[in-house]
Amino acid sequence: MAADRDRAHLADGVDVSVVIATRDRRTLLARTLRSFTCLMRAPDFEVPDFDVIVADHGSTDGTGELIAEYARLLPLRRVRRMQCFFFFR
């Protein structure tokens, strides 16, 4: 399966890493990940070695499940942070 090959390739290094920061933006993230999936299937486009890293800052809207679905199609990793702390001066 192509996704398994791509996951194995993550350990070898990639040409491009795409980092997406999100929190409770499941719908927008779905559109973004769908675009990457379509790009990989485009017949006239040479896709570079890449991975997608989603930095999820405590989403509660099903973002984690969406990421798990797309991890089967894309070289995708999720970095999860449950709490965000903001410091103001």
C-alpha atoms as a PDB file:
ATOM      1  CA  MET A   1       0.000   0.000   0.000  1.00  0.00           C
ATOM      2  CA  ALA A   2       1.309   3.447  -0.908  1.00  0.00           C
ATOM      3  CA  ALA A   3       0.513   4.961   2.491  1.00  0.00           C
ATOM      4  CA  ASP A   4       2.618   2.291   4.237  1.00  0.00           C
ATOM      5  CA  ARG A   5       5.523   3.052   1.908  1.00  0.00           C
ATOM      6  CA  ASP A   6       5.135   6.757   2.597  1.00  0.00           C
ATOM      7  CA  ARG A   7       5.079   6.235   6.370  1.00  0.00           C
ATOM      8  CA  ALA A   8       8.253   4.174   6.138  1.00  0.00           C
ATOM      9  CA  HIS A   9       9.820   6.944   4.069  1.00  0.00           C
ATOM     10  CA  LEU A  10       9.259   9.479   6.864  1.00  0.00           C
ATOM     11  CA  ALA A  11      12.177   7.974   8.747  1.00  0.00           C
ATOM     12  CA  ASP A  12      14.453   8.503   5.715  1.00  0.00           C
ATOM     13  CA  GLY A  13      13.747  12.212   5.362  1.00  0.00           C
ATOM     14  CA  VAL A  14      11.629  14.175   2.954  1.00  0.00           C
ATOM     15  CA  ASP A  15      12.043  17.090   0.567  1.00  0.00           C
ATOM     16  CA  VAL A  16       9.142  19.112   1.990  1.00  0.00           C
ATOM     17  CA  SER A  17       7.271  19.106   5.298  1.00  0.00           C
ATOM     18  CA  VAL A  18       3.918  20.853   5.419  1.00  0.00           C
ATOM     19  CA  VAL A  19       2.914  21.942   8.930  1.00  0.00           C
ATOM     20  CA  ILE A  20      -0.728  22.764   9.620  1.00  0.00           C
ATOM     21  CA  ALA A  21      -1.700  24.254  12.984  1.00  0.00           C
ATOM     22  CA  THR A  22      -5.329  23.704  13.956  1.00  0.00           C
ATOM     23  CA  ARG A  23      -7.805  23.818  16.798  1.00  0.00           C
ATOM     24  CA  ASP A  24     -11.449  22.962  16.242  1.00  0.00           C
ATOM     25  CA  ARG A  25     -11.299  23.561  12.478  1.00  0.00           C
ATOM     26  CA  ARG A  26     -12.269  20.089  11.287  1.00  0.00           C
ATOM     27  CA  THR A  27     -14.146  21.288   8.193  1.00  0.00           C
ATOM     28  CA  LEU A  28     -11.324  23.519   6.976  1.00  0.00           C
ATOM     29  CA  LEU A  29      -8.724  20.823   7.720  1.00  0.00           C
ATOM     30  CA  ALA A  30     -10.787  18.289   5.740  1.00  0.00           C
ATOM     31  CA  ARG A  31     -10.758  20.576   2.698  1.00  0.00           C
ATOM     32  CA  THR A  32      -7.009  21.103   3.040  1.00  0.00           C
ATOM     33  CA  LEU A  33      -6.195  17.389   3.378  1.00  0.00           C
ATOM     34  CA  ARG A  34      -8.548  16.545   0.504  1.00  0.00           C
ATOM     35  CA  SER A  35      -6.574  18.993  -1.653  1.00  0.00           C
ATOM     36  CA  PHE A  36      -3.326  17.187  -0.836  1.00  0.00           C
ATOM     37  CA  THR A  37      -4.946  13.855  -1.685  1.00  0.00           C
ATOM     38  CA  CYS A  38      -6.107  15.194  -5.063  1.00  0.00           C
ATOM     39  CA  LEU A  39      -2.669  16.644  -5.726  1.00  0.00           C
ATOM     40  CA  MET A  40      -1.069  13.231  -5.179  1.00  0.00           C
ATOM     41  CA  ARG A  41      -3.430  11.738  -7.778  1.00  0.00           C
ATOM     42  CA  ALA A  42      -2.943  14.449 -10.416  1.00  0.00           C
ATOM     43  CA  PRO A  43      -1.536  12.731 -13.523  1.00  0.00           C
ATOM     44  CA  ASP A  44       0.495  15.708 -14.777  1.00  0.00           C
ATOM     45  CA  PHE A  45       2.080  16.707 -11.479  1.00  0.00           C
ATOM     46  CA  GLU A  46       5.283  15.237 -10.122  1.00  0.00           C
ATOM     47  CA  VAL A  47       4.776  15.056  -6.362  1.00  0.00           C
ATOM     48  CA  PRO A  48       7.932  15.653  -4.300  1.00  0.00           C
ATOM     49  CA  ASP A  49       8.688  13.523  -1.259  1.00  0.00           C
ATOM     50  CA  PHE A  50       6.696  15.255   1.455  1.00  0.00           C
ATOM     51  CA  ASP A  51       4.950  14.734   4.744  1.00  0.00           C
ATOM     52  CA  VAL A  52       2.116  16.579   6.430  1.00  0.00           C
ATOM     53  CA  ILE A  53       2.336  17.387  10.131  1.00  0.00           C
ATOM     54  CA  VAL A  54      -0.849  18.521  11.836  1.00  0.00           C
ATOM     55  CA  ALA A  55      -0.279  20.382  15.101  1.00  0.00           C
ATOM     56  CA  ASP A  56      -3.582  19.885  16.898  1.00  0.00           C
ATOM     57  CA  HIS A  57      -3.942  22.167  19.889  1.00  0.00           C
ATOM     58  CA  GLY A  58      -6.658  20.385  21.848  1.00  0.00           C
ATOM     59  CA  SER A  59      -9.432  20.085  19.266  1.00  0.00           C
ATOM     60  CA  THR A  60     -12.749  18.725  20.510  1.00  0.00           C
ATOM     61  CA  ASP A  61     -14.638  18.686  17.192  1.00  0.00           C
ATOM     62  CA  GLY A  62     -13.515  15.332  15.774  1.00  0.00           C
ATOM     63  CA  THR A  63     -10.272  16.624  14.266  1.00  0.00           C
ATOM     64  CA  GLY A  64      -8.352  13.636  15.649  1.00  0.00           C
ATOM     65  CA  GLU A  65     -10.650  11.174  13.919  1.00  0.00           C
ATOM     66  CA  LEU A  66     -10.351  13.099  10.653  1.00  0.00           C
ATOM     67  CA  ILE A  67      -6.556  12.977  10.897  1.00  0.00           C
ATOM     68  CA  ALA A  68      -6.696   9.222  11.487  1.00  0.00           C
ATOM     69  CA  GLU A  69      -8.828   8.807   8.331  1.00  0.00           C
ATOM     70  CA  TYR A  70      -6.420  10.798   6.162  1.00  0.00           C
ATOM     71  CA  ALA A  71      -3.356   9.078   7.648  1.00  0.00           C
ATOM     72  CA  ARG A  72      -4.352   6.080   5.511  1.00  0.00           C
ATOM     73  CA  LEU A  73      -4.082   8.211   2.368  1.00  0.00           C
ATOM     74  CA  LEU A  74      -1.250  10.642   3.092  1.00  0.00           C
ATOM     75  CA  PRO A  75       2.141  10.594   4.818  1.00  0.00           C
ATOM     76  CA  LEU A  76       0.536  12.309   7.805  1.00  0.00           C
ATOM     77  CA  ARG A  77       1.526  12.776  11.432  1.00  0.00           C
ATOM     78  CA  ARG A  78      -0.369  14.396  14.267  1.00  0.00           C
ATOM     79  CA  VAL A  79       1.318  16.375  16.995  1.00  0.00           C
ATOM     80  CA  ARG A  80      -1.158  16.809  19.804  1.00  0.00           C
ATOM     81  CA  ARG A  81      -1.090  19.334  22.584  1.00  0.00           C
ATOM     82  CA  MET A  82      -3.907  19.274  25.088  1.00  0.00           C
ATOM     83  CA  GLN A  83      -3.437  22.671  26.728  1.00  0.00           C
ATOM     84  CA  CYS A  84      -2.285  25.995  25.450  1.00  0.00           C
ATOM     85  CA  PHE A  85      -0.867  28.564  27.780  1.00  0.00           C
ATOM     86  CA  PHE A  86      -0.764  32.204  26.861  1.00  0.00           C
ATOM     87  CA  PHE A  87       1.359  34.724  28.686  1.00  0.00           C
ATOM     88  CA  PHE A  88       0.669  38.412  28.410  1.00  0.00           C
ATOM     89  CA  ARG A  89       2.843  41.279  29.560  1.00  0.00           C
END
